[in-house]
Amino acid sequence: MPGEGRSVRVPDEVWDAAMARAKSEGRTVSSVIVDALERYVREGDPRAAQAHVAAQVRAAMQVLGGSLAMLDTVAATLESGDAAA
């Protein structure tokens, strides 16, 4: 999915580490940046992220085979938005 070229300023140590990691994963830094920006846009609403985590907690509770009170409380807190920073 080609896009228009962009310019950003990145500290050398961050760029070098990103290049090394991307190479070790068989990726390009461009693909890493696009993935990070897509995640940033998708998860822009902290309540949406909390709802996602709450759903994961509830799914874990089902896998564990019961209603664990502590996990239930965590999920309820995340769903209510009280955990928003």
N, C-alpha and C. Protein backbone atom coordinates (compact mmCIF):
# COMPACT_ATOMS: atom_id res chain seq x y z
N MET A 1 0.84 -1.16 0.00
CA MET A 1 0.00 0.00 0.00
C MET A 1 0.90 1.24 0.00
N PRO A 2 1.34 1.64 -1.18
CA PRO A 2 2.20 2.82 -1.26
C PRO A 2 1.46 4.07 -0.83
N GLY A 3 2.18 4.98 -0.24
CA GLY A 3 1.61 6.25 0.18
C GLY A 3 2.58 7.35 -0.16
N GLU A 4 2.19 8.53 0.15
CA GLU A 4 3.04 9.69 -0.10
C GLU A 4 4.20 9.70 0.90
N GLY A 5 5.37 10.15 0.45
CA GLY A 5 6.52 10.26 1.35
C GLY A 5 6.26 11.32 2.42
N ARG A 6 6.74 11.10 3.60
CA ARG A 6 6.59 12.03 4.72
C ARG A 6 7.96 12.27 5.35
N SER A 7 8.07 13.36 6.06
CA SER A 7 9.30 13.66 6.79
C SER A 7 8.99 13.79 8.26
N VAL A 8 9.77 13.12 9.09
CA VAL A 8 9.63 13.25 10.54
C VAL A 8 11.03 13.34 11.13
N ARG A 9 11.12 13.94 12.29
CA ARG A 9 12.39 14.01 13.00
C ARG A 9 12.37 12.96 14.11
N VAL A 10 13.38 12.11 14.08
CA VAL A 10 13.49 11.01 15.05
C VAL A 10 14.91 11.03 15.61
N PRO A 11 15.06 10.97 16.93
CA PRO A 11 16.40 10.90 17.50
C PRO A 11 17.19 9.71 16.92
N ASP A 12 18.46 9.94 16.66
CA ASP A 12 19.29 8.91 16.03
C ASP A 12 19.25 7.58 16.78
N GLU A 13 19.30 7.62 18.11
CA GLU A 13 19.33 6.36 18.87
C GLU A 13 18.02 5.59 18.73
N VAL A 14 16.92 6.30 18.62
CA VAL A 14 15.62 5.63 18.43
C VAL A 14 15.55 5.05 17.02
N TRP A 15 15.97 5.83 16.03
CA TRP A 15 15.95 5.37 14.64
C TRP A 15 16.83 4.13 14.47
N ASP A 16 18.04 4.18 15.02
CA ASP A 16 18.97 3.06 14.88
C ASP A 16 18.42 1.80 15.53
N ALA A 17 17.84 1.94 16.71
CA ALA A 17 17.26 0.78 17.40
C ALA A 17 16.06 0.23 16.63
N ALA A 18 15.24 1.14 16.09
CA ALA A 18 14.08 0.71 15.29
C ALA A 18 14.52 -0.01 14.03
N MET A 19 15.54 0.51 13.38
CA MET A 19 16.07 -0.13 12.16
C MET A 19 16.57 -1.54 12.48
N ALA A 20 17.33 -1.66 13.57
CA ALA A 20 17.88 -2.97 13.94
C ALA A 20 16.77 -3.97 14.25
N ARG A 21 15.78 -3.53 15.03
CA ARG A 21 14.70 -4.45 15.40
C ARG A 21 13.87 -4.82 14.18
N ALA A 22 13.52 -3.83 13.36
CA ALA A 22 12.73 -4.11 12.16
C ALA A 22 13.47 -5.11 11.26
N LYS A 23 14.76 -4.90 11.09
CA LYS A 23 15.55 -5.81 10.25
C LYS A 23 15.53 -7.22 10.83
N SER A 24 15.67 -7.34 12.16
CA SER A 24 15.68 -8.66 12.78
C SER A 24 14.33 -9.37 12.64
N GLU A 25 13.26 -8.56 12.45
CA GLU A 25 11.91 -9.12 12.28
C GLU A 25 11.53 -9.25 10.80
N GLY A 26 12.46 -8.90 9.91
CA GLY A 26 12.18 -8.98 8.48
C GLY A 26 11.18 -7.93 8.01
N ARG A 27 11.19 -6.78 8.67
CA ARG A 27 10.26 -5.70 8.35
C ARG A 27 11.04 -4.46 7.96
N THR A 28 10.31 -3.47 7.48
CA THR A 28 10.90 -2.16 7.22
C THR A 28 10.46 -1.22 8.33
N VAL A 29 11.23 -0.17 8.55
CA VAL A 29 10.83 0.83 9.54
C VAL A 29 9.53 1.49 9.11
N SER A 30 9.34 1.66 7.80
CA SER A 30 8.08 2.24 7.31
C SER A 30 6.89 1.41 7.77
N SER A 31 6.98 0.08 7.67
CA SER A 31 5.85 -0.77 8.09
C SER A 31 5.63 -0.67 9.59
N VAL A 32 6.70 -0.53 10.35
CA VAL A 32 6.58 -0.37 11.81
C VAL A 32 5.88 0.95 12.13
N ILE A 33 6.27 2.01 11.43
CA ILE A 33 5.67 3.33 11.66
C ILE A 33 4.19 3.32 11.28
N VAL A 34 3.86 2.73 10.14
CA VAL A 34 2.45 2.65 9.72
C VAL A 34 1.64 1.88 10.74
N ASP A 35 2.15 0.74 11.20
CA ASP A 35 1.44 -0.04 12.23
C ASP A 35 1.22 0.78 13.49
N ALA A 36 2.25 1.50 13.93
CA ALA A 36 2.14 2.31 15.15
C ALA A 36 1.13 3.43 14.97
N LEU A 37 1.13 4.09 13.81
CA LEU A 37 0.16 5.16 13.57
C LEU A 37 -1.26 4.63 13.47
N GLU A 38 -1.43 3.48 12.82
CA GLU A 38 -2.77 2.87 12.75
C GLU A 38 -3.29 2.53 14.14
N ARG A 39 -2.42 1.96 14.98
CA ARG A 39 -2.82 1.63 16.35
C ARG A 39 -3.14 2.90 17.13
N TYR A 40 -2.35 3.95 16.94
CA TYR A 40 -2.57 5.23 17.61
C TYR A 40 -3.94 5.81 17.24
N VAL A 41 -4.27 5.75 15.97
CA VAL A 41 -5.56 6.27 15.51
C VAL A 41 -6.70 5.40 16.02
N ARG A 42 -6.54 4.09 15.91
CA ARG A 42 -7.59 3.15 16.31
C ARG A 42 -7.86 3.22 17.81
N GLU A 43 -6.82 3.38 18.60
CA GLU A 43 -6.96 3.35 20.05
C GLU A 43 -6.98 4.75 20.65
N GLY A 44 -7.34 5.73 19.85
CA GLY A 44 -7.34 7.11 20.30
C GLY A 44 -8.26 7.39 21.46
N ASP A 45 -9.33 6.65 21.58
CA ASP A 45 -10.29 6.86 22.66
C ASP A 45 -9.92 5.93 23.82
N PRO A 46 -9.47 6.49 24.96
CA PRO A 46 -9.06 5.63 26.08
C PRO A 46 -10.18 4.72 26.56
N ARG A 47 -11.42 5.15 26.45
CA ARG A 47 -12.53 4.29 26.89
C ARG A 47 -12.67 3.08 25.98
N ALA A 48 -12.39 3.26 24.69
CA ALA A 48 -12.44 2.13 23.76
C ALA A 48 -11.37 1.12 24.13
N ALA A 49 -10.19 1.61 24.48
CA ALA A 49 -9.11 0.72 24.89
C ALA A 49 -9.48 -0.01 26.18
N GLN A 50 -10.10 0.71 27.12
CA GLN A 50 -10.53 0.09 28.38
C GLN A 50 -11.58 -0.97 28.13
N ALA A 51 -12.50 -0.71 27.21
CA ALA A 51 -13.54 -1.68 26.89
C ALA A 51 -12.92 -2.94 26.29
N HIS A 52 -11.89 -2.75 25.48
CA HIS A 52 -11.20 -3.89 24.88
C HIS A 52 -10.53 -4.74 25.96
N VAL A 53 -9.85 -4.08 26.89
CA VAL A 53 -9.19 -4.80 27.98
C VAL A 53 -10.23 -5.50 28.86
N ALA A 54 -11.34 -4.82 29.13
CA ALA A 54 -12.41 -5.43 29.94
C ALA A 54 -12.92 -6.69 29.27
N ALA A 55 -13.09 -6.65 27.95
CA ALA A 55 -13.55 -7.84 27.22
C ALA A 55 -12.53 -8.96 27.33
N GLN A 56 -11.25 -8.61 27.27
CA GLN A 56 -10.21 -9.63 27.42
C GLN A 56 -10.23 -10.23 28.82
N VAL A 57 -10.44 -9.41 29.84
CA VAL A 57 -10.52 -9.90 31.22
C VAL A 57 -11.69 -10.85 31.36
N ARG A 58 -12.83 -10.46 30.82
CA ARG A 58 -14.01 -11.33 30.91
C ARG A 58 -13.79 -12.65 30.16
N ALA A 59 -13.12 -12.59 29.00
CA ALA A 59 -12.82 -13.82 28.26
C ALA A 59 -11.88 -14.71 29.06
N ALA A 60 -10.91 -14.10 29.74
CA ALA A 60 -9.99 -14.88 30.58
C ALA A 60 -10.75 -15.54 31.72
N MET A 61 -11.72 -14.82 32.27
CA MET A 61 -12.53 -15.39 33.36
C MET A 61 -13.27 -16.63 32.87
N GLN A 62 -13.81 -16.58 31.66
CA GLN A 62 -14.54 -17.73 31.12
C GLN A 62 -13.60 -18.90 30.91
N VAL A 63 -12.39 -18.62 30.40
CA VAL A 63 -11.42 -19.69 30.19
C VAL A 63 -11.03 -20.33 31.51
N LEU A 64 -10.91 -19.50 32.55
CA LEU A 64 -10.54 -20.02 33.87
C LEU A 64 -11.70 -20.76 34.53
N GLY A 65 -12.88 -20.64 33.96
CA GLY A 65 -14.00 -21.43 34.42
C GLY A 65 -14.74 -20.88 35.61
N GLY A 66 -14.78 -19.60 35.77
CA GLY A 66 -15.57 -19.10 36.88
C GLY A 66 -15.50 -17.60 37.00
N SER A 67 -16.26 -17.11 37.93
CA SER A 67 -16.30 -15.69 38.19
C SER A 67 -15.34 -15.39 39.32
N LEU A 68 -14.16 -14.98 38.97
CA LEU A 68 -13.18 -14.61 39.98
C LEU A 68 -13.47 -13.17 40.39
N ALA A 69 -13.77 -12.96 41.63
CA ALA A 69 -14.23 -11.66 42.11
C ALA A 69 -13.27 -10.52 41.74
N MET A 70 -11.97 -10.74 41.87
CA MET A 70 -11.04 -9.67 41.59
C MET A 70 -11.07 -9.29 40.11
N LEU A 71 -11.07 -10.29 39.22
CA LEU A 71 -11.11 -10.00 37.79
C LEU A 71 -12.44 -9.36 37.40
N ASP A 72 -13.50 -9.78 38.05
CA ASP A 72 -14.81 -9.19 37.78
C ASP A 72 -14.80 -7.71 38.15
N THR A 73 -14.18 -7.38 39.26
CA THR A 73 -14.07 -5.99 39.69
C THR A 73 -13.23 -5.18 38.72
N VAL A 74 -12.12 -5.76 38.25
CA VAL A 74 -11.27 -5.07 37.28
C VAL A 74 -12.05 -4.80 36.00
N ALA A 75 -12.75 -5.80 35.50
CA ALA A 75 -13.51 -5.62 34.28
C ALA A 75 -14.60 -4.57 34.45
N ALA A 76 -15.30 -4.58 35.58
CA ALA A 76 -16.36 -3.59 35.82
C ALA A 76 -15.78 -2.19 35.90
N THR A 77 -14.62 -2.06 36.52
CA THR A 77 -13.98 -0.74 36.62
C THR A 77 -13.59 -0.22 35.24
N LEU A 78 -13.01 -1.10 34.43
CA LEU A 78 -12.63 -0.70 33.08
C LEU A 78 -13.85 -0.32 32.25
N GLU A 79 -14.92 -1.08 32.37
CA GLU A 79 -16.14 -0.80 31.61
C GLU A 79 -16.79 0.52 32.03
N SER A 80 -16.68 0.86 33.30
CA SER A 80 -17.31 2.08 33.78
C SER A 80 -16.53 3.32 33.40
N GLY A 81 -15.26 3.13 33.02
CA GLY A 81 -14.43 4.27 32.67
C GLY A 81 -13.77 4.92 33.86
N ASP A 82 -13.95 4.37 35.04
CA ASP A 82 -13.35 4.94 36.25
C ASP A 82 -11.84 4.82 36.25
N ALA A 83 -11.29 3.98 35.40
CA ALA A 83 -9.84 3.80 35.37
C ALA A 83 -9.17 4.78 34.41
N ALA A 84 -9.94 5.65 33.76
CA ALA A 84 -9.36 6.61 32.82
C ALA A 84 -8.39 7.53 33.52
N ALA A 85 -7.25 7.71 32.86
CA ALA A 85 -6.22 8.57 33.47
C ALA A 85 -6.41 10.00 33.03
